[in-house]
Protein backbone atom coordinates (compact mmCIF):
# COMPACT_ATOMS: atom_id res chain seq x y z
CA MET A 1 18.32 104.38 -53.10
CA ALA A 2 17.32 100.78 -52.61
CA SER A 3 17.58 98.45 -55.59
CA ASP A 4 14.42 96.83 -56.95
CA LYS A 5 16.26 93.50 -57.15
CA LYS A 6 15.23 91.10 -54.39
CA ARG A 7 18.34 90.27 -52.42
CA ARG A 8 19.24 86.78 -51.18
CA ALA A 9 20.73 86.13 -47.76
CA ALA A 10 22.14 82.98 -46.17
CA ALA A 11 21.22 82.76 -42.48
CA LEU A 12 23.34 80.52 -40.25
CA ILE A 13 20.70 78.46 -38.43
CA SER A 14 21.89 76.56 -35.38
CA GLY A 15 18.39 75.83 -34.15
CA GLY A 16 18.73 78.26 -31.24
CA LEU A 17 16.70 81.35 -30.47
CA ASP A 18 19.20 83.96 -31.65
CA SER A 19 19.64 82.57 -35.16
CA MET A 20 15.87 82.18 -35.45
CA LEU A 21 15.28 85.82 -34.53
CA ALA A 22 18.07 87.14 -36.75
CA ALA A 23 16.62 85.38 -39.79
CA LYS A 24 13.11 86.55 -38.96
CA VAL A 25 14.14 90.20 -38.63
CA VAL A 26 15.64 90.20 -42.12
CA LEU A 27 12.96 88.00 -43.65
CA ASP A 28 10.33 90.52 -42.56
CA GLN A 29 12.14 93.17 -44.59
CA GLY A 30 11.44 91.35 -47.82
CA VAL A 31 14.81 89.68 -48.27
CA ALA A 32 14.86 86.13 -49.69
CA VAL A 33 16.40 84.28 -46.74
CA GLU A 34 17.61 80.67 -46.87
CA GLY A 35 18.95 78.82 -43.85
CA VAL A 36 22.29 77.03 -43.68
CA ASN A 37 23.16 74.46 -41.02
CA PHE A 38 26.61 72.87 -40.91
CA PHE A 39 26.96 69.34 -39.53
CA THR A 40 30.37 69.05 -37.85
CA GLY A 41 29.78 65.82 -35.94
CA PHE A 42 30.10 67.64 -32.61
CA CYS A 43 26.55 68.97 -32.68
CA VAL A 44 24.53 68.29 -29.54
CA GLU A 45 21.37 68.50 -31.65
CA GLY A 46 19.21 65.41 -31.17
CA HIS A 47 21.99 62.93 -30.40
CA THR A 48 21.51 62.50 -26.66
CA HIS A 49 17.73 62.37 -26.87
CA ALA A 50 17.87 59.90 -29.74
CA ILE A 51 20.26 57.55 -27.94
CA ARG A 52 19.09 57.61 -24.34
CA LYS A 53 15.83 55.84 -23.68
CA LYS A 54 15.22 57.83 -20.49
CA ALA A 55 15.31 61.08 -22.50
CA ARG A 56 12.61 59.97 -24.91
CA VAL A 57 9.88 61.63 -22.87
CA LYS A 58 11.22 64.82 -24.45
CA GLU A 59 10.14 65.65 -27.96
CA LYS A 60 12.80 64.62 -30.46
CA ARG A 61 13.32 67.08 -33.28
CA ASN A 62 16.06 68.68 -35.28
CA ASN A 63 15.75 72.26 -34.07
CA ALA A 64 17.39 73.72 -37.17
CA LEU A 65 14.79 72.05 -39.40
CA TRP A 66 12.06 73.08 -36.98
CA VAL A 67 13.20 76.73 -37.06
CA ALA A 68 13.23 76.70 -40.86
CA GLU A 69 9.70 75.30 -40.84
CA GLN A 70 8.49 78.01 -38.46
CA LEU A 71 10.05 80.70 -40.63
CA GLY A 72 8.90 79.13 -43.89
CA ILE A 73 12.38 79.11 -45.40
CA LYS A 74 14.52 76.54 -47.17
CA LEU A 75 17.26 74.94 -45.06
CA HIS A 76 20.52 73.61 -46.48
CA ILE A 77 22.15 71.01 -44.19
CA VAL A 78 25.81 70.70 -45.17
CA ASP A 79 28.10 67.89 -44.00
CA VAL A 80 31.49 69.44 -43.16
CA ILE A 81 32.87 66.71 -40.88
CA GLU A 82 36.13 66.25 -42.79
CA GLN A 83 36.64 69.91 -43.67
CA TYR A 84 35.98 70.90 -40.05
CA LYS A 85 38.82 68.74 -38.72
CA ASP A 86 41.43 71.41 -39.31
CA VAL A 87 39.32 73.89 -37.33
CA VAL A 88 39.27 71.54 -34.33
CA LEU A 89 42.86 70.33 -34.56
CA ASN A 90 44.61 73.56 -35.56
CA PRO A 91 42.55 76.60 -34.54
CA LYS A 92 44.43 79.76 -35.48
CA HIS A 93 42.76 81.68 -32.66
CA GLY A 94 43.01 78.89 -30.09
CA TYR A 95 40.39 77.27 -27.89
CA GLY A 96 37.84 78.63 -25.46
CA ALA A 97 37.47 77.25 -21.94
CA HIS A 98 37.70 73.67 -23.23
CA LEU A 99 38.40 72.38 -26.76
CA ASN A 100 35.95 74.75 -28.43
CA PRO A 101 37.52 76.66 -31.34
CA CYS A 102 34.60 79.10 -31.39
CA LEU A 103 36.24 82.00 -33.21
CA ASP A 104 37.74 79.80 -35.94
CA CYS A 105 34.43 77.93 -36.14
CA LYS A 106 32.43 81.08 -36.85
CA ILE A 107 34.97 82.23 -39.45
CA PHE A 108 34.75 78.82 -41.14
CA MET A 109 30.95 78.77 -41.23
CA VAL A 110 30.49 82.31 -42.51
CA ASN A 111 33.03 81.59 -45.23
CA LYS A 112 31.26 78.38 -46.24
CA ALA A 113 27.85 80.05 -46.28
CA LEU A 114 29.06 82.40 -49.01
CA ALA A 115 30.71 79.63 -51.05
CA ALA A 116 28.68 78.86 -54.17
CA ASP A 117 30.25 75.39 -54.39
CA VAL A 118 28.81 74.42 -51.00
CA ILE A 119 25.24 75.69 -51.33
CA GLU A 120 23.35 74.65 -54.44
CA GLY A 121 22.48 77.79 -56.35
CA GLY A 122 24.91 79.92 -54.32
CA GLY A 123 24.90 83.56 -55.17
CA PHE A 124 23.93 84.92 -51.77
CA ASP A 125 24.31 88.67 -51.41
CA PHE A 126 25.10 88.57 -47.70
CA VAL A 127 25.20 86.38 -44.59
CA ILE A 128 23.10 86.68 -41.44
CA THR A 129 24.17 85.42 -38.01
CA GLY A 130 22.55 85.61 -34.60
CA GLU A 131 25.69 86.91 -32.90
CA VAL A 132 25.36 89.42 -30.06
CA ILE A 133 28.31 91.40 -28.72
CA GLY A 134 29.24 90.29 -25.22
CA GLN A 135 27.27 87.06 -25.32
CA ARG A 136 30.13 84.58 -25.77
CA PRO A 137 33.55 85.20 -24.17
CA LYS A 138 35.58 83.65 -27.00
CA SER A 139 33.91 84.65 -30.25
CA GLN A 140 31.24 87.29 -29.58
CA ARG A 141 33.20 90.32 -28.42
CA ALA A 142 33.51 93.80 -29.89
CA ASP A 143 37.10 93.07 -30.92
CA THR A 144 36.33 89.69 -32.53
CA MET A 145 33.39 90.80 -34.66
CA PRO A 146 35.66 92.53 -37.25
CA VAL A 147 38.02 89.52 -37.19
CA ILE A 148 35.19 87.15 -38.19
CA ALA A 149 34.05 89.48 -40.97
CA ARG A 150 37.56 89.97 -42.33
CA GLU A 151 38.99 86.45 -42.09
CA SER A 152 35.83 84.77 -43.39
CA GLY A 153 36.03 86.91 -46.53
CA ALA A 154 32.52 88.24 -45.92
CA ASN A 155 33.76 91.66 -44.82
CA ASP A 156 30.80 94.07 -44.81
CA ARG A 157 28.49 91.43 -46.29
CA LEU A 158 28.13 89.95 -42.79
CA LEU A 159 25.05 91.28 -41.01
CA ARG A 160 24.27 90.65 -37.33
CA PRO A 161 20.68 91.95 -37.03
CA LEU A 162 20.41 91.53 -33.25
CA THR A 163 23.48 93.61 -32.42
CA ALA A 164 23.85 95.69 -35.63
CA LEU A 165 23.30 99.05 -33.91
CA ASN A 166 26.49 98.45 -31.91
CA LEU A 167 28.49 98.03 -35.14
CA PRO A 168 29.26 100.15 -38.22
CA PRO A 169 26.65 99.90 -41.01
CA THR A 170 27.22 96.96 -43.33
CA LEU A 171 26.79 96.80 -47.11
CA PRO A 172 23.15 95.56 -46.89
CA GLU A 173 22.33 98.55 -44.66
CA ARG A 174 24.17 101.13 -46.71
CA GLU A 175 22.64 99.89 -49.96
CA GLY A 176 19.15 99.88 -48.49
CA TRP A 177 18.64 96.11 -48.82
CA VAL A 178 17.66 96.21 -45.14
CA ASP A 179 16.49 99.12 -43.01
CA ARG A 180 19.01 99.73 -40.21
CA SER A 181 16.31 101.40 -38.10
CA GLN A 182 14.54 98.03 -37.87
CA LEU A 183 17.63 96.23 -36.52
CA PHE A 184 18.66 95.93 -32.88
CA GLY A 185 21.45 96.82 -30.46
CA PHE A 186 21.37 93.86 -28.07
CA HIS A 187 24.48 93.49 -25.92
CA GLY A 188 25.67 91.09 -23.23
CA ARG A 189 24.56 87.72 -21.89
CA ASP A 190 21.05 88.70 -20.77
CA ARG A 191 18.55 86.88 -23.02
CA LYS A 192 15.49 88.80 -21.87
CA PRO A 193 15.56 91.17 -24.90
CA GLN A 194 15.61 88.18 -27.26
CA MET A 195 12.80 86.49 -25.39
CA ALA A 196 10.74 89.69 -25.56
CA LEU A 197 11.40 89.95 -29.30
CA ALA A 198 10.39 86.30 -29.73
CA GLN A 199 7.12 87.05 -27.95
CA SER A 200 6.48 90.01 -30.25
CA PHE A 201 6.86 87.67 -33.23
CA GLY A 202 4.52 85.14 -31.64
CA PHE A 203 7.26 82.57 -30.99
CA THR A 204 6.47 80.70 -27.79
CA ASP A 205 8.30 77.44 -28.50
CA TYR A 206 12.03 77.56 -29.16
CA ALA A 207 15.27 75.94 -28.03
CA GLN A 208 16.29 76.93 -24.52
CA PRO A 209 18.19 80.24 -24.66
CA ALA A 210 21.89 79.97 -23.77
CA GLY A 211 21.86 76.22 -24.35
CA GLY A 212 25.10 74.84 -25.78
CA CYS A 213 24.92 73.45 -29.31
CA CYS A 214 28.43 71.93 -29.51
CA PHE A 215 29.94 69.15 -27.43
CA LEU A 216 33.35 70.81 -27.61
CA THR A 217 32.12 73.41 -25.11
CA ASP A 218 31.34 70.64 -22.61
CA GLU A 219 34.07 70.05 -20.02
CA GLN A 220 33.49 66.30 -19.71
CA TYR A 221 33.35 65.73 -23.45
CA ALA A 222 36.50 67.80 -24.03
CA GLY A 223 38.23 65.74 -21.35
CA LYS A 224 37.32 62.53 -23.18
CA LEU A 225 38.59 63.88 -26.50
CA ALA A 226 41.88 65.01 -24.93
CA ASP A 227 42.23 61.56 -23.33
CA LEU A 228 41.68 59.94 -26.74
CA TRP A 229 44.48 62.02 -28.23
CA ARG A 230 46.86 61.18 -25.38
CA ALA A 231 46.12 57.46 -25.60
CA ARG A 232 46.75 57.37 -29.36
CA ALA A 233 49.69 59.76 -29.19
CA LYS A 234 48.22 61.80 -32.02
CA ARG A 235 45.63 64.52 -32.47
CA ASP A 236 43.09 63.05 -34.86
CA TYR A 237 39.62 61.51 -34.86
CA ASP A 238 37.02 59.93 -37.08
CA PHE A 239 33.24 60.09 -36.93
CA ASP A 240 32.89 56.91 -34.84
CA ASP A 241 35.33 58.34 -32.29
CA ILE A 242 33.38 61.53 -31.72
CA MET A 243 30.06 59.68 -31.55
CA LEU A 244 31.33 57.15 -28.99
CA LEU A 245 32.65 59.97 -26.80
CA LYS A 246 29.02 61.10 -26.38
CA VAL A 247 27.86 57.80 -24.91
CA GLY A 248 28.42 55.83 -21.70
CA ARG A 249 30.95 55.90 -18.87
CA HIS A 250 34.52 56.05 -20.14
CA ILE A 251 36.89 54.26 -17.78
CA ARG A 252 40.63 53.99 -18.44
CA PRO A 253 42.37 51.60 -15.99
CA ALA A 254 45.60 51.78 -18.01
CA PRO A 255 47.01 53.90 -20.85
CA HIS A 256 46.65 51.15 -23.47
CA TYR A 257 42.91 50.55 -23.14
CA LYS A 258 39.64 51.96 -21.85
CA LEU A 259 36.09 50.74 -21.28
CA ILE A 260 32.92 52.32 -22.60
CA VAL A 261 30.13 51.18 -20.27
CA GLY A 262 26.50 51.72 -21.23
CA ARG A 263 24.48 53.56 -18.58
CA GLU A 264 21.00 52.48 -19.65
CA GLU A 265 19.11 50.53 -22.29
CA GLY A 266 19.26 53.17 -25.00
CA GLU A 267 23.02 53.50 -24.67
CA ASN A 268 23.43 49.70 -24.62
CA ASN A 269 21.49 49.50 -27.88
CA PHE A 270 23.64 52.20 -29.44
CA LEU A 271 26.90 50.57 -28.34
CA ALA A 272 25.68 47.24 -29.74
CA GLY A 273 26.20 48.70 -33.20
CA TYR A 274 29.96 48.62 -32.53
CA ARG A 275 30.16 44.99 -31.36
CA ARG A 276 32.04 43.86 -34.45
CA GLN A 277 34.72 46.52 -34.02
CA PHE A 278 35.62 46.01 -30.35
CA VAL A 279 36.03 43.34 -27.73
CA HIS A 280 32.74 43.60 -25.87
CA LEU A 281 31.28 42.18 -22.67
CA ARG A 282 27.75 41.35 -21.55
CA THR A 283 26.66 40.43 -18.04
CA VAL A 284 24.56 37.26 -18.32
CA SER A 285 23.59 36.11 -14.83
CA HIS A 286 22.34 39.59 -13.94
CA ALA A 287 20.97 42.48 -16.00
CA GLY A 288 23.70 44.94 -16.76
CA PRO A 289 25.55 47.10 -19.27
CA LEU A 290 27.08 46.37 -22.61
CA THR A 291 30.77 47.23 -22.30
CA LEU A 292 33.20 47.92 -25.15
CA ILE A 293 36.97 47.69 -24.74
CA ASP A 294 38.81 50.24 -26.87
CA GLY A 295 42.52 49.51 -27.18
CA THR A 296 44.76 46.46 -26.84
CA PRO A 297 43.77 44.65 -23.64
CA ASN A 298 45.67 41.61 -22.40
CA ARG A 299 44.18 38.70 -20.47
CA ASP A 300 44.39 40.44 -17.10
CA ASP A 301 42.83 43.58 -18.58
CA VAL A 302 39.84 41.59 -19.85
CA LEU A 303 39.37 40.03 -16.41
CA LEU A 304 39.41 43.48 -14.79
CA ALA A 305 37.00 44.77 -17.42
CA ALA A 306 34.62 41.91 -16.63
CA ARG A 307 34.76 42.76 -12.92
CA ILE A 308 34.01 46.43 -13.69
CA ALA A 309 31.10 45.45 -15.94
CA ALA A 310 29.79 43.26 -13.09
CA ARG A 311 30.18 46.22 -10.72
CA TYR A 312 27.70 48.20 -12.84
CA SER A 313 25.24 45.31 -13.18
CA GLN A 314 22.38 44.35 -10.89
CA GLY A 315 24.72 41.70 -9.50
CA ARG A 316 27.04 44.25 -7.93
CA MET A 317 26.41 42.70 -4.47
CA ALA A 318 26.58 39.08 -5.69
CA GLU A 319 29.50 36.80 -4.96
CA LEU A 320 30.00 36.03 -8.66
CA VAL A 321 28.59 37.41 -11.93
CA GLN A 322 28.79 35.63 -15.28
CA VAL A 323 30.15 37.88 -17.99
CA ASP A 324 30.35 36.79 -21.62
CA VAL A 325 33.32 38.10 -23.60
CA HIS A 326 33.07 38.44 -27.38
CA ARG A 327 35.88 39.34 -29.78
CA PRO A 328 35.65 40.83 -33.27
CA ASN A 329 37.10 37.61 -34.75
CA GLY A 330 34.07 35.68 -33.47
CA SER A 331 35.77 33.96 -30.54
CA GLY A 332 34.46 34.31 -27.01
CA GLU A 333 34.39 32.95 -23.49
CA ALA A 334 32.28 32.99 -20.35
CA LEU A 335 33.83 34.34 -17.17
CA CYS A 336 32.51 34.12 -13.62
CA VAL A 337 34.02 37.00 -11.69
CA PRO A 338 33.45 38.82 -8.42
CA PRO A 339 32.23 42.40 -9.01
CA LEU A 340 34.90 45.01 -8.42
CA PRO A 341 34.27 46.68 -5.03
CA PRO A 342 33.73 50.45 -5.18
CA THR A 343 36.89 50.94 -3.10
CA GLU A 344 38.95 49.36 -5.88
CA LEU A 345 37.46 51.48 -8.67
CA ASP A 346 40.05 54.25 -8.81
CA PRO A 347 38.32 57.63 -9.36
CA SER A 348 41.19 58.66 -11.66
CA TRP A 349 40.09 55.97 -14.12
CA HIS A 350 36.95 57.92 -14.97
CA VAL A 351 37.66 59.90 -18.12
CA GLY A 352 36.18 63.36 -18.32
CA GLY A 353 35.10 63.43 -14.68
């Protein structure tokens, strides 16, 4: 017999379609649902559109907040950047195709969603996720579903409404907090069932199905992070590191330094915020990129960096380009250099492809 007490559920809200639908399915059964979104620093959400000027024709929004608004639920956004480091650096279950610790990530987030010390008020009776068996090769498989439930500590308090009929009944189903007959048995990578369900709910605007929400699943980004670890001879990072890996061309002519070259005005403006931390270069005689030098460049390295910056400026065909060099200590100089010819720009210098 179902209890008269109104149950509370924490729904992991990424901002994608699946988490939106999972929360809606349970919300419609009278459960008090609150959304939880964890900020790891690697989230794709909003960063690229906010930085790149050319992407500003697209509507900028935080999709997790937008989903919560559409559902009419409270959303807790929790900063876990420091706590999440161990998940990235030491994943018990290893990485996916790149540096994505998806299985450990899901375990971490489900565990945190149930932790009363993380969410003000705490006391959630169960956790909702938008997982679907067969949808993700690393973390959403029939054999990994029990692992997430067990190692997160949620056990049978973890409900996956979109794929529940493929799994044993959970505590919320057995206790009558939710009606199992109103849950679903979605399976595999085909998103048509979710899109049809969205239409039945009247949802016509939602984040693109199957879109990645974490930079660690991106091959180029993972390559840049691995390069950072090799260059520093240690596996670690801070927030500035992971933000800078999202922006610009990363070019490493030698192991002891690399260039971060802005690709357009929005990226140049973003990189300008780091001028006091790095040696940086500006092309003066011709419009061009802001370039940061990360590492310990010597005099010859700075000259090469200036030629590369000139190569990406509008003076790439000029005989000479003036490049101003600025150092964090306030010193600087003006260089007139010939742009580096494309034949001398070694393809292996490009980090992350």
